[in-house]
Amino acid sequence: MAVAIRMARGGSKKRPFYRIVATNSRSARDGRFIEQLGHYNPADKALTLDLERYDYWLGVGAQPSATMHRLAKSAKKNVPATAA
């Protein structure tokens, strides 16, 4: 099974809201998913992403969509470094 990390659209007409999901790449865009990793609201640019689970899915071979890759890269850039 090929796993993809992509966004599933929700919300009403002209007011999109996206869930970030790990899903079978053959599933429909808004269909079944394996795990929800976060959400994104483009109206106020609010992104919530569980980076640990995102990295886990990348580690087991999941392929992010181009948009998801761009959003995750910006989310990782905005995370403060932890003190050792």
Protein backbone atom coordinates (compact mmCIF):
# COMPACT_ATOMS: atom_id res chain seq x y z
CA MET A 1 0.00 0.00 0.00
CA ALA A 2 1.43 3.38 -1.04
CA VAL A 3 0.86 6.01 1.64
CA ALA A 4 0.48 9.68 0.81
CA ILE A 5 0.44 12.68 3.13
CA ARG A 6 -2.00 15.21 1.74
CA MET A 7 -4.80 17.59 2.62
CA ALA A 8 -8.48 16.62 2.74
CA ARG A 9 -10.85 19.51 2.12
CA GLY A 10 -13.61 20.42 4.51
CA GLY A 11 -15.55 23.56 5.27
CA SER A 12 -18.36 25.21 3.39
CA LYS A 13 -18.47 26.68 -0.09
CA LYS A 14 -15.77 29.36 -0.59
CA ARG A 15 -14.52 28.85 3.00
CA PRO A 16 -12.07 25.94 2.81
CA PHE A 17 -10.59 24.15 5.78
CA TYR A 18 -8.13 21.30 5.35
CA ARG A 19 -7.23 18.28 7.45
CA ILE A 20 -3.70 16.98 6.99
CA VAL A 21 -3.93 13.21 6.69
CA ALA A 22 -1.88 10.12 5.97
CA THR A 23 -3.90 8.05 3.53
CA ASN A 24 -3.73 5.31 0.94
CA SER A 25 -2.72 7.08 -2.26
CA ARG A 26 -5.58 5.40 -4.14
CA SER A 27 -8.25 6.73 -1.77
CA ALA A 28 -10.39 9.70 -2.73
CA ARG A 29 -9.22 13.14 -1.63
CA ASP A 30 -11.87 13.43 1.08
CA GLY A 31 -12.24 9.68 1.63
CA ARG A 32 -10.85 7.26 4.17
CA PHE A 33 -7.58 8.05 5.85
CA ILE A 34 -5.16 6.21 8.13
CA GLU A 35 -4.30 9.01 10.53
CA GLN A 36 -5.02 12.72 10.93
CA LEU A 37 -1.78 14.66 11.42
CA GLY A 38 -3.10 18.20 11.77
CA HIS A 39 -5.16 20.89 10.10
CA TYR A 40 -4.72 24.03 8.02
CA ASN A 41 -6.97 27.06 7.70
CA PRO A 42 -5.89 29.20 4.73
CA ALA A 43 -8.15 32.12 5.76
CA ASP A 44 -5.90 33.03 8.69
CA LYS A 45 -2.85 30.94 7.68
CA ALA A 46 -3.23 28.78 10.81
CA LEU A 47 -1.30 25.51 10.55
CA THR A 48 -1.28 22.80 13.20
CA LEU A 49 0.91 19.80 12.43
CA ASP A 50 2.16 16.93 14.60
CA LEU A 51 5.77 16.96 13.38
CA GLU A 52 6.71 13.73 15.19
CA ARG A 53 4.00 11.77 13.39
CA TYR A 54 4.78 13.55 10.09
CA ASP A 55 8.43 12.48 10.39
CA TYR A 56 7.35 8.95 11.32
CA TRP A 57 5.27 8.62 8.16
CA LEU A 58 8.11 9.98 6.04
CA GLY A 59 10.40 7.42 7.68
CA VAL A 60 8.19 4.52 6.66
CA GLY A 61 7.98 5.69 3.05
CA ALA A 62 4.99 8.01 2.81
CA GLN A 63 5.14 10.59 0.02
CA PRO A 64 3.91 14.12 0.81
CA SER A 65 2.11 16.15 -1.82
CA ALA A 66 3.93 19.22 -3.12
CA THR A 67 1.74 21.59 -1.11
CA MET A 68 2.10 19.50 2.03
CA HIS A 69 5.88 19.42 1.64
CA ARG A 70 5.97 23.23 1.38
CA LEU A 71 3.72 23.70 4.44
CA ALA A 72 5.69 21.21 6.55
CA LYS A 73 8.96 22.88 5.63
CA SER A 74 7.65 26.23 6.85
CA ALA A 75 6.26 24.59 10.02
CA LYS A 76 9.65 23.04 10.81
CA LYS A 77 11.36 26.37 10.25
CA ASN A 78 9.06 28.07 12.81
CA VAL A 79 9.64 25.50 15.59
CA PRO A 80 12.04 26.81 18.28
CA ALA A 81 15.12 24.70 18.98
CA THR A 82 14.99 22.75 22.23
CA ALA A 83 17.66 23.33 24.85
CA ALA A 84 19.96 20.36 25.49
